Each structure stands twice: as structure tokens, then as C-alpha cells.
Amino acid sequence: RRAVISRLMTSPAPVKELAAPFAMGLPA
């Protein structure tokens, strides 16, 4: 969640883009 916040500090982003760097399924 901290990584997501860090990413969103630069600009809004779609869920798919936010999820891409993480090794987990979309539901998680």
C-alpha cells in the first residue's frame, strides 16, 4: 500500500497499471 501511494504521488493511475509491478493476483 505504501508503494501504491508512492506511485500515485506522481499522477493518478488505472488499477491495472498500479497492479502490474506486484506479484499477486488482481483480487488480492
PDB file of all heavy atoms in Angstrom:
ATOM      1  N   ARG A   1       0.824  -1.206   0.000  1.00  0.00           N
ATOM      2  CA  ARG A   1       0.000   0.000   0.000  1.00  0.00           C
ATOM      3  C   ARG A   1       0.861   1.261   0.000  1.00  0.00           C
ATOM      4  O   ARG A   1       0.518   2.246  -0.660  1.00  0.00           O
ATOM      5  CB  ARG A   1      -0.970  -0.042   1.179  1.00  0.00           C
ATOM      6  CG  ARG A   1      -1.972  -1.199   1.024  1.00  0.00           C
ATOM      7  CD  ARG A   1      -3.087  -1.146   2.026  1.00  0.00           C
ATOM      8  NE  ARG A   1      -2.719  -1.443   3.383  1.00  0.00           N
ATOM      9  CZ  ARG A   1      -2.888  -2.615   3.975  1.00  0.00           C
ATOM     10  NH1 ARG A   1      -3.411  -3.640   3.310  1.00  0.00           N
ATOM     11  NH2 ARG A   1      -2.545  -2.778   5.235  1.00  0.00           N
ATOM     12  N   ARG A   2       1.987   1.231   0.714  1.00  0.00           N
ATOM     13  CA  ARG A   2       2.885   2.390   0.668  1.00  0.00           C
ATOM     14  C   ARG A   2       3.437   2.583  -0.739  1.00  0.00           C
ATOM     15  O   ARG A   2       3.567   3.713  -1.215  1.00  0.00           O
ATOM     16  CB  ARG A   2       4.036   2.231   1.670  1.00  0.00           C
ATOM     17  CG  ARG A   2       3.597   2.419   3.107  1.00  0.00           C
ATOM     18  CD  ARG A   2       4.779   2.547   4.053  1.00  0.00           C
ATOM     19  NE  ARG A   2       5.747   1.478   3.953  1.00  0.00           N
ATOM     20  CZ  ARG A   2       5.714   0.350   4.655  1.00  0.00           C
ATOM     21  NH1 ARG A   2       4.738   0.127   5.506  1.00  0.00           N
ATOM     22  NH2 ARG A   2       6.663  -0.555   4.511  1.00  0.00           N
ATOM     23  N   ALA A   3       3.748   1.496  -1.424  1.00  0.00           N
ATOM     24  CA  ALA A   3       4.246   1.589  -2.801  1.00  0.00           C
ATOM     25  C   ALA A   3       3.177   2.171  -3.724  1.00  0.00           C
ATOM     26  O   ALA A   3       3.486   2.977  -4.610  1.00  0.00           O
ATOM     27  CB  ALA A   3       4.711   0.220  -3.297  1.00  0.00           C
ATOM     28  N   VAL A   4       1.942   1.792  -3.526  1.00  0.00           N
ATOM     29  CA  VAL A   4       0.840   2.335  -4.335  1.00  0.00           C
ATOM     30  C   VAL A   4       0.726   3.842  -4.097  1.00  0.00           C
ATOM     31  O   VAL A   4       0.618   4.620  -5.054  1.00  0.00           O
ATOM     32  CB  VAL A   4      -0.496   1.620  -4.030  1.00  0.00           C
ATOM     33  CG1 VAL A   4      -1.672   2.357  -4.655  1.00  0.00           C
ATOM     34  CG2 VAL A   4      -0.443   0.176  -4.506  1.00  0.00           C
ATOM     35  N   ILE A   5       0.783   4.247  -2.838  1.00  0.00           N
ATOM     36  CA  ILE A   5       0.714   5.683  -2.526  1.00  0.00           C
ATOM     37  C   ILE A   5       1.886   6.414  -3.178  1.00  0.00           C
ATOM     38  O   ILE A   5       1.707   7.476  -3.784  1.00  0.00           O
ATOM     39  CB  ILE A   5       0.694   5.924  -1.001  1.00  0.00           C
ATOM     40  CG1 ILE A   5      -0.611   5.420  -0.393  1.00  0.00           C
ATOM     41  CG2 ILE A   5       0.922   7.392  -0.663  1.00  0.00           C
ATOM     42  CD1 ILE A   5      -1.856   6.182  -0.808  1.00  0.00           C
ATOM     43  N   SER A   6       3.075   5.852  -3.077  1.00  0.00           N
ATOM     44  CA  SER A   6       4.252   6.487  -3.699  1.00  0.00           C
ATOM     45  C   SER A   6       4.044   6.664  -5.190  1.00  0.00           C
ATOM     46  O   SER A   6       4.352   7.718  -5.753  1.00  0.00           O
ATOM     47  CB  SER A   6       5.510   5.658  -3.448  1.00  0.00           C
ATOM     48  OG  SER A   6       5.843   5.695  -2.097  1.00  0.00           O
ATOM     49  N   ARG A   7       3.519   5.649  -5.837  1.00  0.00           N
ATOM     50  CA  ARG A   7       3.275   5.740  -7.279  1.00  0.00           C
ATOM     51  C   ARG A   7       2.231   6.799  -7.594  1.00  0.00           C
ATOM     52  O   ARG A   7       2.370   7.571  -8.537  1.00  0.00           O
ATOM     53  CB  ARG A   7       2.854   4.373  -7.818  1.00  0.00           C
ATOM     54  CG  ARG A   7       2.230   4.339  -9.194  1.00  0.00           C
ATOM     55  CD  ARG A   7       3.101   5.025 -10.271  1.00  0.00           C
ATOM     56  NE  ARG A   7       2.362   5.193 -11.493  1.00  0.00           N
ATOM     57  CZ  ARG A   7       1.548   6.217 -11.778  1.00  0.00           C
ATOM     58  NH1 ARG A   7       1.349   7.196 -10.912  1.00  0.00           N
ATOM     59  NH2 ARG A   7       0.933   6.276 -12.934  1.00  0.00           N
ATOM     60  N   LEU A   8       1.176   6.852  -6.798  1.00  0.00           N
ATOM     61  CA  LEU A   8       0.099   7.806  -7.055  1.00  0.00           C
ATOM     62  C   LEU A   8       0.500   9.243  -6.748  1.00  0.00           C
ATOM     63  O   LEU A   8      -0.183  10.175  -7.180  1.00  0.00           O
ATOM     64  CB  LEU A   8      -1.153   7.432  -6.256  1.00  0.00           C
ATOM     65  CG  LEU A   8      -1.872   6.166  -6.721  1.00  0.00           C
ATOM     66  CD1 LEU A   8      -3.000   5.821  -5.768  1.00  0.00           C
ATOM     67  CD2 LEU A   8      -2.374   6.324  -8.151  1.00  0.00           C
ATOM     68  N   MET A   9       1.588   9.442  -6.045  1.00  0.00           N
ATOM     69  CA  MET A   9       2.055  10.801  -5.770  1.00  0.00           C
ATOM     70  C   MET A   9       2.478  11.498  -7.065  1.00  0.00           C
ATOM     71  O   MET A   9       2.443  12.718  -7.152  1.00  0.00           O
ATOM     72  CB  MET A   9       3.217  10.792  -4.775  1.00  0.00           C
ATOM     73  CG  MET A   9       2.826  10.332  -3.382  1.00  0.00           C
ATOM     74  SD  MET A   9       1.624  11.395  -2.580  1.00  0.00           S
ATOM     75  CE  MET A   9       2.652  12.795  -2.226  1.00  0.00           C
ATOM     76  N   THR A  10       2.863  10.736  -8.072  1.00  0.00           N
ATOM     77  CA  THR A  10       3.284  11.342  -9.335  1.00  0.00           C
ATOM     78  C   THR A  10       2.092  11.707 -10.211  1.00  0.00           C
ATOM     79  O   THR A  10       2.118  12.748 -10.863  1.00  0.00           O
ATOM     80  CB  THR A  10       4.236  10.420 -10.116  1.00  0.00           C
ATOM     81  OG1 THR A  10       3.573   9.192 -10.398  1.00  0.00           O
ATOM     82  CG2 THR A  10       5.511  10.167  -9.340  1.00  0.00           C
ATOM     83  N   SER A  11       1.063  10.841 -10.234  1.00  0.00           N
ATOM     84  CA  SER A  11      -0.136  11.112 -11.031  1.00  0.00           C
ATOM     85  C   SER A  11      -1.165  10.018 -10.773  1.00  0.00           C
ATOM     86  O   SER A  11      -0.820   8.921 -10.328  1.00  0.00           O
ATOM     87  CB  SER A  11       0.204  11.155 -12.526  1.00  0.00           C
ATOM     88  OG  SER A  11       0.602   9.876 -12.966  1.00  0.00           O
ATOM     89  N   PRO A  12      -2.439  10.293 -11.070  1.00  0.00           N
ATOM     90  CA  PRO A  12      -3.459   9.241 -10.977  1.00  0.00           C
ATOM     91  C   PRO A  12      -3.100   8.093 -11.918  1.00  0.00           C
ATOM     92  O   PRO A  12      -2.378   8.293 -12.902  1.00  0.00           O
ATOM     93  CB  PRO A  12      -4.740   9.945 -11.440  1.00  0.00           C
ATOM     94  CG  PRO A  12      -4.477  11.397 -11.243  1.00  0.00           C
ATOM     95  CD  PRO A  12      -3.005  11.581 -11.468  1.00  0.00           C
ATOM     96  N   ALA A  13      -3.606   6.899 -11.621  1.00  0.00           N
ATOM     97  CA  ALA A  13      -3.286   5.734 -12.454  1.00  0.00           C
ATOM     98  C   ALA A  13      -4.429   4.730 -12.422  1.00  0.00           C
ATOM     99  O   ALA A  13      -5.123   4.593 -11.413  1.00  0.00           O
ATOM    100  CB  ALA A  13      -2.000   5.077 -11.960  1.00  0.00           C
ATOM    101  N   PRO A  14      -4.582   3.997 -13.527  1.00  0.00           N
ATOM    102  CA  PRO A  14      -5.590   2.939 -13.547  1.00  0.00           C
ATOM    103  C   PRO A  14      -5.136   1.750 -12.698  1.00  0.00           C
ATOM    104  O   PRO A  14      -3.939   1.515 -12.521  1.00  0.00           O
ATOM    105  CB  PRO A  14      -5.695   2.560 -15.018  1.00  0.00           C
ATOM    106  CG  PRO A  14      -4.465   3.086 -15.667  1.00  0.00           C
ATOM    107  CD  PRO A  14      -3.941   4.183 -14.822  1.00  0.00           C
ATOM    108  N   VAL A  15      -6.099   1.012 -12.185  1.00  0.00           N
ATOM    109  CA  VAL A  15      -5.822  -0.146 -11.324  1.00  0.00           C
ATOM    110  C   VAL A  15      -4.868  -1.109 -12.004  1.00  0.00           C
ATOM    111  O   VAL A  15      -3.916  -1.593 -11.381  1.00  0.00           O
ATOM    112  CB  VAL A  15      -7.133  -0.847 -10.925  1.00  0.00           C
ATOM    113  CG1 VAL A  15      -6.865  -2.180 -10.248  1.00  0.00           C
ATOM    114  CG2 VAL A  15      -7.964   0.061 -10.029  1.00  0.00           C
ATOM    115  N   LYS A  16      -5.098  -1.407 -13.267  1.00  0.00           N
ATOM    116  CA  LYS A  16      -4.257  -2.379 -13.976  1.00  0.00           C
ATOM    117  C   LYS A  16      -2.788  -1.951 -13.961  1.00  0.00           C
ATOM    118  O   LYS A  16      -1.898  -2.766 -13.739  1.00  0.00           O
ATOM    119  CB  LYS A  16      -4.756  -2.539 -15.419  1.00  0.00           C
ATOM    120  CG  LYS A  16      -4.076  -3.647 -16.171  1.00  0.00           C
ATOM    121  CD  LYS A  16      -4.714  -3.846 -17.536  1.00  0.00           C
ATOM    122  CE  LYS A  16      -4.019  -4.969 -18.272  1.00  0.00           C
ATOM    123  NZ  LYS A  16      -4.633  -5.234 -19.555  1.00  0.00           N
ATOM    124  N   GLU A  17      -2.531  -0.660 -14.170  1.00  0.00           N
ATOM    125  CA  GLU A  17      -1.160  -0.153 -14.149  1.00  0.00           C
ATOM    126  C   GLU A  17      -0.572  -0.240 -12.738  1.00  0.00           C
ATOM    127  O   GLU A  17       0.593  -0.595 -12.563  1.00  0.00           O
ATOM    128  CB  GLU A  17      -1.138   1.297 -14.628  1.00  0.00           C
ATOM    129  CG  GLU A  17       0.239   1.938 -14.594  1.00  0.00           C
ATOM    130  CD  GLU A  17       0.198   3.405 -14.966  1.00  0.00           C
ATOM    131  OE1 GLU A  17      -0.563   3.775 -15.896  1.00  0.00           O
ATOM    132  OE2 GLU A  17       0.915   4.193 -14.316  1.00  0.00           O
ATOM    133  N   LEU A  18      -1.377   0.082 -11.730  1.00  0.00           N
ATOM    134  CA  LEU A  18      -0.898   0.019 -10.349  1.00  0.00           C
ATOM    135  C   LEU A  18      -0.561  -1.404  -9.927  1.00  0.00           C
ATOM    136  O   LEU A  18       0.397  -1.636  -9.196  1.00  0.00           O
ATOM    137  CB  LEU A  18      -1.950   0.596  -9.389  1.00  0.00           C
ATOM    138  CG  LEU A  18      -2.182   2.092  -9.446  1.00  0.00           C
ATOM    139  CD1 LEU A  18      -3.384   2.468  -8.592  1.00  0.00           C
ATOM    140  CD2 LEU A  18      -0.942   2.853  -8.997  1.00  0.00           C
ATOM    141  N   ALA A  19      -1.352  -2.350 -10.402  1.00  0.00           N
ATOM    142  CA  ALA A  19      -1.170  -3.751 -10.008  1.00  0.00           C
ATOM    143  C   ALA A  19       0.013  -4.415 -10.707  1.00  0.00           C
ATOM    144  O   ALA A  19       0.585  -5.382 -10.180  1.00  0.00           O
ATOM    145  CB  ALA A  19      -2.442  -4.540 -10.303  1.00  0.00           C
ATOM    146  N   ALA A  20       0.408  -3.918 -11.862  1.00  0.00           N
ATOM    147  CA  ALA A  20       1.426  -4.584 -12.690  1.00  0.00           C
ATOM    148  C   ALA A  20       2.726  -4.939 -11.957  1.00  0.00           C
ATOM    149  O   ALA A  20       3.237  -6.049 -12.135  1.00  0.00           O
ATOM    150  CB  ALA A  20       1.726  -3.743 -13.932  1.00  0.00           C
ATOM    151  N   PRO A  21       3.301  -4.071 -11.127  1.00  0.00           N
ATOM    152  CA  PRO A  21       4.592  -4.411 -10.521  1.00  0.00           C
ATOM    153  C   PRO A  21       4.532  -5.445  -9.391  1.00  0.00           C
ATOM    154  O   PRO A  21       5.569  -5.895  -8.918  1.00  0.00           O
ATOM    155  CB  PRO A  21       5.109  -3.082  -9.960  1.00  0.00           C
ATOM    156  CG  PRO A  21       4.135  -2.038 -10.305  1.00  0.00           C
ATOM    157  CD  PRO A  21       2.927  -2.687 -10.883  1.00  0.00           C
ATOM    158  N   PHE A  22       3.336  -5.825  -8.965  1.00  0.00           N
ATOM    159  CA  PHE A  22       3.214  -6.693  -7.801  1.00  0.00           C
ATOM    160  C   PHE A  22       2.946  -8.141  -8.199  1.00  0.00           C
ATOM    161  O   PHE A  22       2.138  -8.412  -9.077  1.00  0.00           O
ATOM    162  CB  PHE A  22       2.112  -6.179  -6.870  1.00  0.00           C
ATOM    163  CG  PHE A  22       2.391  -4.788  -6.380  1.00  0.00           C
ATOM    164  CD1 PHE A  22       1.756  -3.705  -6.965  1.00  0.00           C
ATOM    165  CD2 PHE A  22       3.310  -4.564  -5.372  1.00  0.00           C
ATOM    166  CE1 PHE A  22       2.017  -2.409  -6.536  1.00  0.00           C
ATOM    167  CE2 PHE A  22       3.585  -3.277  -4.942  1.00  0.00           C
ATOM    168  CZ  PHE A  22       2.945  -2.206  -5.525  1.00  0.00           C
ATOM    169  N   ALA A  23       3.600  -9.050  -7.511  1.00  0.00           N
ATOM    170  CA  ALA A  23       3.454 -10.483  -7.777  1.00  0.00           C
ATOM    171  C   ALA A  23       2.281 -11.028  -6.959  1.00  0.00           C
ATOM    172  O   ALA A  23       2.458 -11.789  -6.012  1.00  0.00           O
ATOM    173  CB  ALA A  23       4.736 -11.213  -7.427  1.00  0.00           C
ATOM    174  N   MET A  24       1.076 -10.598  -7.324  1.00  0.00           N
ATOM    175  CA  MET A  24      -0.128 -11.092  -6.668  1.00  0.00           C
ATOM    176  C   MET A  24      -1.277 -11.003  -7.661  1.00  0.00           C
ATOM    177  O   MET A  24      -1.201 -10.244  -8.631  1.00  0.00           O
ATOM    178  CB  MET A  24      -0.442 -10.302  -5.392  1.00  0.00           C
ATOM    179  CG  MET A  24      -0.833  -8.857  -5.615  1.00  0.00           C
ATOM    180  SD  MET A  24      -1.213  -7.968  -4.085  1.00  0.00           S
ATOM    181  CE  MET A  24       0.417  -7.685  -3.430  1.00  0.00           C
ATOM    182  N   GLY A  25      -2.290 -11.771  -7.403  1.00  0.00           N
ATOM    183  CA  GLY A  25      -3.464 -11.729  -8.261  1.00  0.00           C
ATOM    184  C   GLY A  25      -4.238 -10.429  -8.087  1.00  0.00           C
ATOM    185  O   GLY A  25      -4.120  -9.743  -7.071  1.00  0.00           O
ATOM    186  N   LEU A  26      -5.041 -10.111  -9.073  1.00  0.00           N
ATOM    187  CA  LEU A  26      -5.826  -8.889  -9.027  1.00  0.00           C
ATOM    188  C   LEU A  26      -6.778  -8.846  -7.824  1.00  0.00           C
ATOM    189  O   LEU A  26      -6.885  -7.802  -7.175  1.00  0.00           O
ATOM    190  CB  LEU A  26      -6.589  -8.680 -10.340  1.00  0.00           C
ATOM    191  CG  LEU A  26      -7.261  -7.320 -10.497  1.00  0.00           C
ATOM    192  CD1 LEU A  26      -6.251  -6.174 -10.367  1.00  0.00           C
ATOM    193  CD2 LEU A  26      -7.991  -7.245 -11.817  1.00  0.00           C
ATOM    194  N   PRO A  27      -7.439  -9.952  -7.458  1.00  0.00           N
ATOM    195  CA  PRO A  27      -8.315  -9.895  -6.279  1.00  0.00           C
ATOM    196  C   PRO A  27      -7.560  -9.487  -5.000  1.00  0.00           C
ATOM    197  O   PRO A  27      -8.060  -8.694  -4.209  1.00  0.00           O
ATOM    198  CB  PRO A  27      -8.883 -11.307  -6.165  1.00  0.00           C
ATOM    199  CG  PRO A  27      -8.849 -11.824  -7.567  1.00  0.00           C
ATOM    200  CD  PRO A  27      -7.582 -11.238  -8.161  1.00  0.00           C
ATOM    201  N   ALA A  28      -6.360 -10.009  -4.819  1.00  0.00           N
ATOM    202  CA  ALA A  28      -5.559  -9.639  -3.644  1.00  0.00           C
ATOM    203  C   ALA A  28      -5.158  -8.175  -3.717  1.00  0.00           C
ATOM    204  O   ALA A  28      -5.200  -7.451  -2.706  1.00  0.00           O
ATOM    205  CB  ALA A  28      -4.317 -10.521  -3.542  1.00  0.00           C
TER     206      ALA A  28
END
